[in-house]
Amino acid sequence: MSAGRIPLHRFWQPRYWPTWLGVALLRLIVMLPHGTRLAVGRWLGRSMRRLLAKRREVAATNLALCFPQLSDSEREALEIRHFESLGMGVIELGITWWCPQDYIARIASLEGMEHVHAALDKGNGILMWSGHFATAELTGRMLEPEVPPIAAMYRPSENRLNDQIMRRCRGKSVSELITKSSVRTLIKALKANRPVWYAADQAYIGKGAVMAPFFSEPAMTNTAVSQIARVSKAAVVPFLPLRHGNGERYTLEFLPALEDFPGEDAEADAIRLNKLLESMIVRAPEQYYWVHRRFKGRPEDYADPYKSD
């Protein structure tokens, strides 16, 4: 975790002041009672919806493509709940960083840990596979007492101060952050029988990308999960982090390791994973990350749904 570590006092320049202010405000909000701070999060989310017009339009487009069976008013209500969920996710980020482990244990519970232990007993590591859900940051803290040190795939932030803060705070629950270019490090962690947290559900147009349906809409999909599982022999164990109600409690639910995975066809594997992710999303659709342009990068013969966004 020390690689790339820069002393925070070096980030004194005015361009970093908004980040310092945001972190300070988040630290103060986390000190409030749980219900109050999450109410602040919902207010923050509604404010984000008003201010971030582009993201609001992306979310609306995604929801229209993925839930055509809903009426316009139902999708708008879902969109509002989604932004409220994003706002609560910001507050939960602070909870993850600064609340003690005994508090995390009181508000969160683990389900399906037998699947994790069974996979670890095989000795080939675990690829903990999921999607981008609002409560995902709590995952490491919830698992901390139960499994060997977790490694996690990580995309560095363009804001260097934000990146350094994230590295330090995630270090409380994740033993190693692995960038997408460090595939050898990822394989090494799996071969050491460690759990690696991996989410590959966003639009991908690089080498090995395939077109696979996501809620029946063609989407550029990453096949890296199949490739990593084939090379490392690691078990792929899906999991779903969920917030219940307005954050009264949280669960981290593990499903059985995928059988006969990877298969012979990477595209078939991608379709299988997308279907599995859909089954997770529909349980709490507002908690998925709909502000991402999931259907970008498709071939020219497909319409760009975000062209007017």
C-alpha atoms as a PDB file:
ATOM      1  CA  MET A   1       0.000   0.000   0.000  1.00  0.00           C
ATOM      2  CA  SER A   2       2.987   2.293   0.362  1.00  0.00           C
ATOM      3  CA  ALA A   3       3.783   2.322  -3.377  1.00  0.00           C
ATOM      4  CA  GLY A   4       3.035   5.696  -4.851  1.00  0.00           C
ATOM      5  CA  ARG A   5       2.453   7.262  -1.445  1.00  0.00           C
ATOM      6  CA  ILE A   6       2.981  11.045  -1.344  1.00  0.00           C
ATOM      7  CA  PRO A   7       2.930  13.137   1.862  1.00  0.00           C
ATOM      8  CA  LEU A   8      -0.388  14.972   2.024  1.00  0.00           C
ATOM      9  CA  HIS A   9       1.238  18.241   3.089  1.00  0.00           C
ATOM     10  CA  ARG A  10       2.542  18.611  -0.460  1.00  0.00           C
ATOM     11  CA  PHE A  11      -0.993  19.258  -1.705  1.00  0.00           C
ATOM     12  CA  TRP A  12      -1.267  22.815  -0.416  1.00  0.00           C
ATOM     13  CA  GLN A  13      -1.909  24.503  -3.772  1.00  0.00           C
ATOM     14  CA  PRO A  14      -5.238  26.338  -4.235  1.00  0.00           C
ATOM     15  CA  ARG A  15      -6.419  23.847  -6.850  1.00  0.00           C
ATOM     16  CA  TYR A  16      -6.636  21.231  -4.085  1.00  0.00           C
ATOM     17  CA  TRP A  17      -8.547  23.392  -1.610  1.00  0.00           C
ATOM     18  CA  PRO A  18     -12.002  22.224  -2.804  1.00  0.00           C
ATOM     19  CA  THR A  19     -10.914  18.619  -2.223  1.00  0.00           C
ATOM     20  CA  TRP A  20      -9.674  19.432   1.287  1.00  0.00           C
ATOM     21  CA  LEU A  21     -12.970  21.199   2.018  1.00  0.00           C
ATOM     22  CA  GLY A  22     -14.990  18.243   0.744  1.00  0.00           C
ATOM     23  CA  VAL A  23     -13.035  15.773   2.870  1.00  0.00           C
ATOM     24  CA  ALA A  24     -13.413  17.991   5.950  1.00  0.00           C
ATOM     25  CA  LEU A  25     -17.173  18.289   5.439  1.00  0.00           C
ATOM     26  CA  LEU A  26     -17.501  14.539   4.940  1.00  0.00           C
ATOM     27  CA  ARG A  27     -15.558  13.922   8.145  1.00  0.00           C
ATOM     28  CA  LEU A  28     -17.940  16.190  10.057  1.00  0.00           C
ATOM     29  CA  ILE A  29     -21.044  14.596   8.538  1.00  0.00           C
ATOM     30  CA  VAL A  30     -19.854  11.113   9.507  1.00  0.00           C
ATOM     31  CA  MET A  31     -19.881  12.251  13.149  1.00  0.00           C
ATOM     32  CA  LEU A  32     -23.677  12.766  12.991  1.00  0.00           C
ATOM     33  CA  PRO A  33     -26.183  10.038  13.992  1.00  0.00           C
ATOM     34  CA  HIS A  34     -26.524   7.403  11.284  1.00  0.00           C
ATOM     35  CA  GLY A  35     -30.052   8.331  10.189  1.00  0.00           C
ATOM     36  CA  THR A  36     -29.187  12.020  10.068  1.00  0.00           C
ATOM     37  CA  ARG A  37     -26.024  11.614   8.019  1.00  0.00           C
ATOM     38  CA  LEU A  38     -27.796   9.419   5.463  1.00  0.00           C
ATOM     39  CA  ALA A  39     -30.597  11.990   5.236  1.00  0.00           C
ATOM     40  CA  VAL A  40     -27.841  14.471   4.381  1.00  0.00           C
ATOM     41  CA  GLY A  41     -26.680  11.972   1.770  1.00  0.00           C
ATOM     42  CA  ARG A  42     -30.116  11.803   0.164  1.00  0.00           C
ATOM     43  CA  TRP A  43     -30.238  15.600   0.059  1.00  0.00           C
ATOM     44  CA  LEU A  44     -26.776  15.578  -1.515  1.00  0.00           C
ATOM     45  CA  GLY A  45     -27.963  13.096  -4.128  1.00  0.00           C
ATOM     46  CA  ARG A  46     -30.980  15.197  -5.055  1.00  0.00           C
ATOM     47  CA  SER A  47     -28.684  18.210  -5.343  1.00  0.00           C
ATOM     48  CA  MET A  48     -26.355  16.231  -7.607  1.00  0.00           C
ATOM     49  CA  ARG A  49     -29.314  15.375  -9.820  1.00  0.00           C
ATOM     50  CA  ARG A  50     -30.181  19.046 -10.220  1.00  0.00           C
ATOM     51  CA  LEU A  51     -26.617  20.209 -10.785  1.00  0.00           C
ATOM     52  CA  LEU A  52     -25.167  17.391 -12.905  1.00  0.00           C
ATOM     53  CA  ALA A  53     -27.438  17.625 -15.931  1.00  0.00           C
ATOM     54  CA  LYS A  54     -25.247  15.432 -18.149  1.00  0.00           C
ATOM     55  CA  ARG A  55     -25.149  12.619 -15.613  1.00  0.00           C
ATOM     56  CA  ARG A  56     -28.886  12.941 -15.059  1.00  0.00           C
ATOM     57  CA  GLU A  57     -29.464  12.548 -18.799  1.00  0.00           C
ATOM     58  CA  VAL A  58     -27.149   9.521 -18.962  1.00  0.00           C
ATOM     59  CA  ALA A  59     -29.010   7.865 -16.085  1.00  0.00           C
ATOM     60  CA  ALA A  60     -32.366   8.597 -17.713  1.00  0.00           C
ATOM     61  CA  THR A  61     -31.153   7.109 -21.014  1.00  0.00           C
ATOM     62  CA  ASN A  62     -29.837   3.965 -19.327  1.00  0.00           C
ATOM     63  CA  LEU A  63     -33.028   3.433 -17.357  1.00  0.00           C
ATOM     64  CA  ALA A  64     -35.149   3.893 -20.485  1.00  0.00           C
ATOM     65  CA  LEU A  65     -33.082   1.258 -22.316  1.00  0.00           C
ATOM     66  CA  CYS A  66     -32.961  -1.223 -19.441  1.00  0.00           C
ATOM     67  CA  PHE A  67     -36.482  -0.809 -18.045  1.00  0.00           C
ATOM     68  CA  PRO A  68     -38.748  -0.081 -21.031  1.00  0.00           C
ATOM     69  CA  GLN A  69     -41.614  -1.793 -19.219  1.00  0.00           C
ATOM     70  CA  LEU A  70     -41.772   1.052 -16.679  1.00  0.00           C
ATOM     71  CA  SER A  71     -43.827   4.161 -17.291  1.00  0.00           C
ATOM     72  CA  ASP A  72     -42.127   7.541 -17.614  1.00  0.00           C
ATOM     73  CA  SER A  73     -43.199   8.488 -14.084  1.00  0.00           C
ATOM     74  CA  GLU A  74     -41.930   5.182 -12.675  1.00  0.00           C
ATOM     75  CA  ARG A  75     -38.544   5.636 -14.341  1.00  0.00           C
ATOM     76  CA  GLU A  76     -38.307   9.210 -13.091  1.00  0.00           C
ATOM     77  CA  ALA A  77     -39.034   8.021  -9.548  1.00  0.00           C
ATOM     78  CA  LEU A  78     -36.352   5.334  -9.935  1.00  0.00           C
ATOM     79  CA  GLU A  79     -33.912   7.937 -11.241  1.00  0.00           C
ATOM     80  CA  ILE A  80     -34.535  10.147  -8.192  1.00  0.00           C
ATOM     81  CA  ARG A  81     -34.005   7.184  -5.844  1.00  0.00           C
ATOM     82  CA  HIS A  82     -30.822   6.393  -7.754  1.00  0.00           C
ATOM     83  CA  PHE A  83     -29.341   9.827  -7.147  1.00  0.00           C
ATOM     84  CA  GLU A  84     -30.386   9.642  -3.495  1.00  0.00           C
ATOM     85  CA  SER A  85     -28.563   6.308  -3.354  1.00  0.00           C
ATOM     86  CA  LEU A  86     -25.455   7.874  -4.894  1.00  0.00           C
ATOM     87  CA  GLY A  87     -25.574  10.620  -2.260  1.00  0.00           C
ATOM     88  CA  MET A  88     -25.852   8.072   0.527  1.00  0.00           C
ATOM     89  CA  GLY A  89     -22.942   6.235  -1.087  1.00  0.00           C
ATOM     90  CA  VAL A  90     -20.754   9.311  -0.598  1.00  0.00           C
ATOM     91  CA  ILE A  91     -21.601   9.321   3.116  1.00  0.00           C
ATOM     92  CA  GLU A  92     -21.022   5.563   3.311  1.00  0.00           C
ATOM     93  CA  LEU A  93     -17.581   6.181   1.861  1.00  0.00           C
ATOM     94  CA  GLY A  94     -16.842   8.268   4.958  1.00  0.00           C
ATOM     95  CA  ILE A  95     -18.308   5.551   7.193  1.00  0.00           C
ATOM     96  CA  THR A  96     -15.966   3.065   5.533  1.00  0.00           C
ATOM     97  CA  TRP A  97     -12.967   5.322   6.107  1.00  0.00           C
ATOM     98  CA  TRP A  98     -13.524   6.529   9.653  1.00  0.00           C
ATOM     99  CA  CYS A  99     -15.924   4.317  11.624  1.00  0.00           C
ATOM    100  CA  PRO A 100     -14.458   1.589  13.876  1.00  0.00           C
ATOM    101  CA  GLN A 101     -14.758  -2.088  12.997  1.00  0.00           C
ATOM    102  CA  ASP A 102     -17.155  -2.884  15.847  1.00  0.00           C
ATOM    103  CA  TYR A 103     -19.571  -0.278  14.473  1.00  0.00           C
ATOM    104  CA  ILE A 104     -19.361  -1.769  10.963  1.00  0.00           C
ATOM    105  CA  ALA A 105     -20.170  -5.171  12.477  1.00  0.00           C
ATOM    106  CA  ARG A 106     -23.299  -3.765  14.131  1.00  0.00           C
ATOM    107  CA  ILE A 107     -24.817  -2.306  10.967  1.00  0.00           C
ATOM    108  CA  ALA A 108     -23.674  -4.946   8.460  1.00  0.00           C
ATOM    109  CA  SER A 109     -23.948  -8.705   8.088  1.00  0.00           C
ATOM    110  CA  LEU A 110     -22.443 -11.336   5.813  1.00  0.00           C
ATOM    111  CA  GLU A 111     -24.403 -14.014   3.980  1.00  0.00           C
ATOM    112  CA  GLY A 112     -23.121 -17.006   2.042  1.00  0.00           C
ATOM    113  CA  MET A 113     -19.644 -17.022   3.562  1.00  0.00           C
ATOM    114  CA  GLU A 114     -19.594 -20.791   3.175  1.00  0.00           C
ATOM    115  CA  HIS A 115     -19.093 -20.215  -0.559  1.00  0.00           C
ATOM    116  CA  VAL A 116     -16.056 -18.034   0.129  1.00  0.00           C
ATOM    117  CA  HIS A 117     -14.482 -20.536   2.517  1.00  0.00           C
ATOM    118  CA  ALA A 118     -15.168 -23.441   0.145  1.00  0.00           C
ATOM    119  CA  ALA A 119     -13.400 -21.576  -2.653  1.00  0.00           C
ATOM    120  CA  LEU A 120     -10.448 -20.677  -0.431  1.00  0.00           C
ATOM    121  CA  ASP A 121     -10.117 -24.318   0.616  1.00  0.00           C
ATOM    122  CA  LYS A 122      -9.332 -25.196  -2.999  1.00  0.00           C
ATOM    123  CA  GLY A 123      -6.218 -23.013  -2.790  1.00  0.00           C
ATOM    124  CA  ASN A 124      -6.440 -21.171  -6.114  1.00  0.00           C
ATOM    125  CA  GLY A 125      -7.659 -17.810  -4.897  1.00  0.00           C
ATOM    126  CA  ILE A 126     -10.993 -16.089  -5.387  1.00  0.00           C
ATOM    127  CA  LEU A 127     -12.051 -13.557  -7.955  1.00  0.00           C
ATOM    128  CA  MET A 128     -14.751 -11.702  -6.010  1.00  0.00           C
ATOM    129  CA  TRP A 129     -16.929 -10.574  -8.882  1.00  0.00           C
ATOM    130  CA  SER A 130     -19.657  -7.952  -8.721  1.00  0.00           C
ATOM    131  CA  GLY A 131     -20.853  -4.740 -10.349  1.00  0.00           C
ATOM    132  CA  HIS A 132     -20.566  -1.075  -9.485  1.00  0.00           C
ATOM    133  CA  PHE A 133     -23.074  -0.694  -6.663  1.00  0.00           C
ATOM    134  CA  ALA A 134     -23.444   2.334  -4.407  1.00  0.00           C
ATOM    135  CA  THR A 135     -22.488   0.475  -1.227  1.00  0.00           C
ATOM    136  CA  ALA A 136     -19.494  -1.375  -2.690  1.00  0.00           C
ATOM    137  CA  GLU A 137     -16.947   0.600  -0.632  1.00  0.00           C
ATOM    138  CA  LEU A 138     -18.197  -1.101   2.543  1.00  0.00           C
ATOM    139  CA  THR A 139     -17.206  -4.507   1.169  1.00  0.00           C
ATOM    140  CA  GLY A 140     -13.642  -4.589   2.464  1.00  0.00           C
ATOM    141  CA  ARG A 141     -14.570  -3.410   5.960  1.00  0.00           C
ATOM    142  CA  MET A 142     -17.371  -5.973   6.224  1.00  0.00           C
ATOM    143  CA  LEU A 143     -15.045  -8.803   5.213  1.00  0.00           C
ATOM    144  CA  GLU A 144     -12.043  -7.654   7.228  1.00  0.00           C
ATOM    145  CA  PRO A 145     -12.309 -10.158  10.123  1.00  0.00           C
ATOM    146  CA  GLU A 146     -13.428 -13.089   7.957  1.00  0.00           C
ATOM    147  CA  VAL A 147     -10.984 -13.642   5.087  1.00  0.00           C
ATOM    148  CA  PRO A 148      -7.298 -13.228   4.230  1.00  0.00           C
ATOM    149  CA  PRO A 149      -6.193  -9.727   3.197  1.00  0.00           C
ATOM    150  CA  ILE A 150      -8.095  -8.595   0.121  1.00  0.00           C
ATOM    151  CA  ALA A 151      -6.567  -7.141  -3.016  1.00  0.00           C
ATOM    152  CA  ALA A 152      -8.706  -4.900  -5.204  1.00  0.00           C
ATOM    153  CA  MET A 153      -8.564  -3.625  -8.752  1.00  0.00           C
ATOM    154  CA  TYR A 154      -8.201   0.126  -8.725  1.00  0.00           C
ATOM    155  CA  ARG A 155      -8.414   3.029 -11.165  1.00  0.00           C
ATOM    156  CA  PRO A 156      -6.234   5.958 -10.002  1.00  0.00           C
ATOM    157  CA  SER A 157      -8.002   9.297  -9.723  1.00  0.00           C
ATOM    158  CA  GLU A 158      -6.931  12.186 -11.951  1.00  0.00           C
ATOM    159  CA  ASN A 159      -7.059  14.375  -8.823  1.00  0.00           C
ATOM    160  CA  ARG A 160      -3.756  13.452  -7.161  1.00  0.00           C
ATOM    161  CA  LEU A 161      -4.876  14.522  -3.695  1.00  0.00           C
ATOM    162  CA  ASN A 162      -8.088  12.544  -3.980  1.00  0.00           C
ATOM    163  CA  ASP A 163      -6.048   9.567  -5.157  1.00  0.00           C
ATOM    164  CA  GLN A 164      -3.732   9.758  -2.136  1.00  0.00           C
ATOM    165  CA  ILE A 165      -6.651  10.056   0.291  1.00  0.00           C
ATOM    166  CA  MET A 166      -8.412   7.092  -1.326  1.00  0.00           C
ATOM    167  CA  ARG A 167      -5.242   5.010  -1.127  1.00  0.00           C
ATOM    168  CA  ARG A 168      -4.833   5.707   2.586  1.00  0.00           C
ATOM    169  CA  CYS A 169      -8.461   5.159   3.498  1.00  0.00           C
ATOM    170  CA  ARG A 170      -8.884   2.025   1.425  1.00  0.00           C
ATOM    171  CA  GLY A 171      -5.771   0.702   3.099  1.00  0.00           C
ATOM    172  CA  LYS A 172      -7.907   0.117   6.198  1.00  0.00           C
ATOM    173  CA  SER A 173      -9.793  -2.660   4.432  1.00  0.00           C
ATOM    174  CA  VAL A 174      -7.763  -3.593   1.340  1.00  0.00           C
ATOM    175  CA  SER A 175      -4.201  -4.818   1.605  1.00  0.00           C
ATOM    176  CA  GLU A 176      -3.223  -4.110  -1.992  1.00  0.00           C
ATOM    177  CA  LEU A 177      -4.542  -1.895  -4.781  1.00  0.00           C
ATOM    178  CA  ILE A 178      -3.888  -3.252  -8.266  1.00  0.00           C
ATOM    179  CA  THR A 179      -4.180  -1.077 -11.359  1.00  0.00           C
ATOM    180  CA  LYS A 180      -5.711  -2.493 -14.532  1.00  0.00           C
ATOM    181  CA  SER A 181      -2.282  -2.587 -16.190  1.00  0.00           C
ATOM    182  CA  SER A 182      -0.815  -4.788 -13.428  1.00  0.00           C
ATOM    183  CA  VAL A 183      -2.259  -8.111 -14.562  1.00  0.00           C
ATOM    184  CA  ARG A 184       0.766 -10.055 -13.314  1.00  0.00           C
ATOM    185  CA  THR A 185       0.260  -8.649  -9.825  1.00  0.00           C
ATOM    186  CA  LEU A 186      -3.385  -9.713  -9.967  1.00  0.00           C
ATOM    187  CA  ILE A 187      -2.499 -13.260 -11.031  1.00  0.00           C
ATOM    188  CA  LYS A 188       0.183 -13.446  -8.342  1.00  0.00           C
ATOM    189  CA  ALA A 189      -2.342 -12.489  -5.652  1.00  0.00           C
ATOM    190  CA  LEU A 190      -4.766 -15.171  -6.831  1.00  0.00           C
ATOM    191  CA  LYS A 191      -2.058 -17.828  -6.971  1.00  0.00           C
ATOM    192  CA  ALA A 192      -1.236 -16.919  -3.349  1.00  0.00           C
ATOM    193  CA  ASN A 193      -4.850 -17.944  -2.549  1.00  0.00           C
ATOM    194  CA  ARG A 194      -5.989 -14.420  -1.819  1.00  0.00           C
ATOM    195  CA  PRO A 195      -9.387 -12.883  -2.573  1.00  0.00           C
ATOM    196  CA  VAL A 196      -9.287 -10.225  -5.296  1.00  0.00           C
ATOM    197  CA  TRP A 197     -12.214  -7.836  -5.653  1.00  0.00           C
ATOM    198  CA  TYR A 198     -12.941  -7.279  -9.345  1.00  0.00           C
ATOM    199  CA  ALA A 199     -15.728  -5.413 -11.149  1.00  0.00           C
ATOM    200  CA  ALA A 200     -15.655  -5.492 -14.948  1.00  0.00           C
ATOM    201  CA  ASP A 201     -19.197  -4.386 -15.720  1.00  0.00           C
ATOM    202  CA  GLN A 202     -18.565  -1.030 -17.385  1.00  0.00           C
ATOM    203  CA  ALA A 203     -18.330  -0.310 -21.109  1.00  0.00           C
ATOM    204  CA  TYR A 204     -15.078  -1.693 -22.521  1.00  0.00           C
ATOM    205  CA  ILE A 205     -13.734  -1.220 -26.044  1.00  0.00           C
ATOM    206  CA  GLY A 206     -10.221  -2.615 -25.616  1.00  0.00           C
ATOM    207  CA  LYS A 207      -8.675  -5.903 -26.667  1.00  0.00           C
ATOM    208  CA  GLY A 208     -10.983  -8.844 -26.094  1.00  0.00           C
ATOM    209  CA  ALA A 209     -14.172  -6.790 -25.897  1.00  0.00           C
ATOM    210  CA  VAL A 210     -17.342  -8.470 -27.153  1.00  0.00           C
ATOM    211  CA  MET A 211     -20.877  -7.320 -27.754  1.00  0.00           C
ATOM    212  CA  ALA A 212     -23.204  -8.909 -25.207  1.00  0.00           C
ATOM    213  CA  PRO A 213     -26.771  -8.052 -24.221  1.00  0.00           C
ATOM    214  CA  PHE A 214     -27.274  -6.121 -21.004  1.00  0.00           C
ATOM    215  CA  PHE A 215     -30.966  -5.939 -20.175  1.00  0.00           C
ATOM    216  CA  SER A 216     -31.503  -7.020 -23.817  1.00  0.00           C
ATOM    217  CA  GLU A 217     -29.569  -4.001 -25.126  1.00  0.00           C
ATOM    218  CA  PRO A 218     -26.237  -4.738 -26.901  1.00  0.00           C
ATOM    219  CA  ALA A 219     -23.297  -3.477 -24.844  1.00  0.00           C
ATOM    220  CA  MET A 220     -19.527  -3.587 -25.218  1.00  0.00           C
ATOM    221  CA  THR A 221     -18.434  -6.045 -22.550  1.00  0.00           C
ATOM    222  CA  ASN A 222     -15.102  -6.967 -20.985  1.00  0.00           C
ATOM    223  CA  THR A 223     -14.045 -10.628 -21.165  1.00  0.00           C
ATOM    224  CA  ALA A 224     -11.201 -10.236 -18.658  1.00  0.00           C
ATOM    225  CA  VAL A 225     -12.991 -12.267 -15.975  1.00  0.00           C
ATOM    226  CA  SER A 226     -12.893 -15.348 -18.210  1.00  0.00           C
ATOM    227  CA  GLN A 227      -9.270 -14.769 -19.145  1.00  0.00           C
ATOM    228  CA  ILE A 228      -8.119 -14.244 -15.555  1.00  0.00           C
ATOM    229  CA  ALA A 229     -10.031 -17.277 -14.294  1.00  0.00           C
ATOM    230  CA  ARG A 230      -8.546 -19.450 -17.037  1.00  0.00           C
ATOM    231  CA  VAL A 231      -4.948 -18.401 -16.367  1.00  0.00           C
ATOM    232  CA  SER A 232      -5.120 -18.402 -12.565  1.00  0.00           C
ATOM    233  CA  LYS A 233      -7.571 -21.300 -12.002  1.00  0.00           C
ATOM    234  CA  ALA A 234      -9.228 -19.054  -9.415  1.00  0.00           C
ATOM    235  CA  ALA A 235     -12.839 -19.535  -8.403  1.00  0.00           C
ATOM    236  CA  VAL A 236     -15.207 -16.767  -9.489  1.00  0.00           C
ATOM    237  CA  VAL A 237     -17.488 -16.002  -6.544  1.00  0.00           C
ATOM    238  CA  PRO A 238     -20.232 -13.437  -7.249  1.00  0.00           C
ATOM    239  CA  PHE A 239     -21.333 -11.110  -4.477  1.00  0.00           C
ATOM    240  CA  LEU A 240     -23.927  -8.408  -3.969  1.00  0.00           C
ATOM    241  CA  PRO A 241     -23.576  -5.497  -1.520  1.00  0.00           C
ATOM    242  CA  LEU A 242     -26.993  -4.188  -0.495  1.00  0.00           C
ATOM    243  CA  ARG A 243     -28.342  -1.299   1.521  1.00  0.00           C
ATOM    244  CA  HIS A 244     -31.671  -2.065   3.154  1.00  0.00           C
ATOM    245  CA  GLY A 245     -34.272   0.645   3.571  1.00  0.00           C
ATOM    246  CA  ASN A 246     -32.601   3.991   4.118  1.00  0.00           C
ATOM    247  CA  GLY A 247     -29.451   2.387   5.442  1.00  0.00           C
ATOM    248  CA  GLU A 248     -30.826   0.808   8.599  1.00  0.00           C
ATOM    249  CA  ARG A 249     -28.635  -2.181   7.800  1.00  0.00           C
ATOM    250  CA  TYR A 250     -26.358  -3.569   5.101  1.00  0.00           C
ATOM    251  CA  THR A 251     -25.703  -7.057   3.802  1.00  0.00           C
ATOM    252  CA  LEU A 252     -22.927  -8.552   1.734  1.00  0.00           C
ATOM    253  CA  GLU A 253     -24.318 -11.630   0.025  1.00  0.00           C
ATOM    254  CA  PHE A 254     -22.049 -14.206  -1.605  1.00  0.00           C
ATOM    255  CA  LEU A 255     -23.381 -16.646  -4.183  1.00  0.00           C
ATOM    256  CA  PRO A 256     -21.911 -20.066  -5.004  1.00  0.00           C
ATOM    257  CA  ALA A 257     -18.774 -20.068  -7.132  1.00  0.00           C
ATOM    258  CA  LEU A 258     -19.590 -20.228 -10.835  1.00  0.00           C
ATOM    259  CA  GLU A 259     -19.549 -23.781 -12.155  1.00  0.00           C
ATOM    260  CA  ASP A 260     -18.010 -24.674 -15.515  1.00  0.00           C
ATOM    261  CA  PHE A 261     -16.460 -21.240 -15.729  1.00  0.00           C
ATOM    262  CA  PRO A 262     -14.747 -20.141 -17.813  1.00  0.00           C
ATOM    263  CA  GLY A 263     -16.282 -21.930 -20.756  1.00  0.00           C
ATOM    264  CA  GLU A 264     -14.929 -22.430 -24.243  1.00  0.00           C
ATOM    265  CA  ASP A 265     -16.496 -19.233 -25.598  1.00  0.00           C
ATOM    266  CA  ALA A 266     -15.607 -15.841 -24.095  1.00  0.00           C
ATOM    267  CA  GLU A 267     -18.722 -14.250 -25.589  1.00  0.00           C
ATOM    268  CA  ALA A 268     -20.944 -16.874 -23.969  1.00  0.00           C
ATOM    269  CA  ASP A 269     -19.194 -16.210 -20.656  1.00  0.00           C
ATOM    270  CA  ALA A 270     -19.828 -12.473 -21.040  1.00  0.00           C
ATOM    271  CA  ILE A 271     -23.510 -13.081 -21.733  1.00  0.00           C
ATOM    272  CA  ARG A 272     -23.694 -15.319 -18.665  1.00  0.00           C
ATOM    273  CA  LEU A 273     -22.093 -12.705 -16.421  1.00  0.00           C
ATOM    274  CA  ASN A 274     -24.326  -9.937 -17.752  1.00  0.00           C
ATOM    275  CA  LYS A 275     -27.406 -12.055 -17.039  1.00  0.00           C
ATOM    276  CA  LEU A 276     -26.166 -12.736 -13.528  1.00  0.00           C
ATOM    277  CA  LEU A 277     -25.523  -9.045 -12.973  1.00  0.00           C
ATOM    278  CA  GLU A 278     -29.035  -8.231 -14.183  1.00  0.00           C
ATOM    279  CA  SER A 279     -30.472 -10.610 -11.582  1.00  0.00           C
ATOM    280  CA  MET A 280     -28.531  -8.727  -8.902  1.00  0.00           C
ATOM    281  CA  ILE A 281     -29.509  -5.277 -10.137  1.00  0.00           C
ATOM    282  CA  VAL A 282     -33.255  -5.911 -10.191  1.00  0.00           C
ATOM    283  CA  ARG A 283     -33.171  -6.628  -6.463  1.00  0.00           C
ATOM    284  CA  ALA A 284     -32.267  -2.981  -5.800  1.00  0.00           C
ATOM    285  CA  PRO A 285     -32.079  -1.159  -9.148  1.00  0.00           C
ATOM    286  CA  GLU A 286     -31.587   2.264  -7.577  1.00  0.00           C
ATOM    287  CA  GLN A 287     -28.278   1.105  -6.081  1.00  0.00           C
ATOM    288  CA  TYR A 288     -26.576   0.332  -9.400  1.00  0.00           C
ATOM    289  CA  TYR A 289     -24.310   2.923 -11.065  1.00  0.00           C
ATOM    290  CA  TRP A 290     -26.597   4.196 -13.818  1.00  0.00           C
ATOM    291  CA  VAL A 291     -24.685   7.433 -14.442  1.00  0.00           C
ATOM    292  CA  HIS A 292     -22.053   5.500 -16.418  1.00  0.00           C
ATOM    293  CA  ARG A 293     -22.405   5.412 -20.221  1.00  0.00           C
ATOM    294  CA  ARG A 294     -22.798   1.647 -20.333  1.00  0.00           C
ATOM    295  CA  PHE A 295     -23.791   1.553 -24.016  1.00  0.00           C
ATOM    296  CA  LYS A 296     -21.011   3.710 -25.434  1.00  0.00           C
ATOM    297  CA  GLY A 297     -18.349   2.539 -27.890  1.00  0.00           C
ATOM    298  CA  ARG A 298     -20.591   0.273 -29.961  1.00  0.00           C
ATOM    299  CA  PRO A 299     -19.956  -0.310 -33.692  1.00  0.00           C
ATOM    300  CA  GLU A 300     -21.144   2.367 -36.092  1.00  0.00           C
ATOM    301  CA  ASP A 301     -24.193   0.378 -37.186  1.00  0.00           C
ATOM    302  CA  TYR A 302     -25.613   0.803 -33.673  1.00  0.00           C
ATOM    303  CA  ALA A 303     -27.165   4.098 -32.683  1.00  0.00           C
ATOM    304  CA  ASP A 304     -25.380   6.080 -29.993  1.00  0.00           C
ATOM    305  CA  PRO A 305     -28.039   6.517 -27.282  1.00  0.00           C
ATOM    306  CA  TYR A 306     -26.023   9.329 -25.671  1.00  0.00           C
ATOM    307  CA  LYS A 307     -25.508  11.395 -28.802  1.00  0.00           C
ATOM    308  CA  SER A 308     -27.797  14.165 -27.593  1.00  0.00           C
ATOM    309  CA  ASP A 309     -26.537  13.883 -23.964  1.00  0.00           C
END
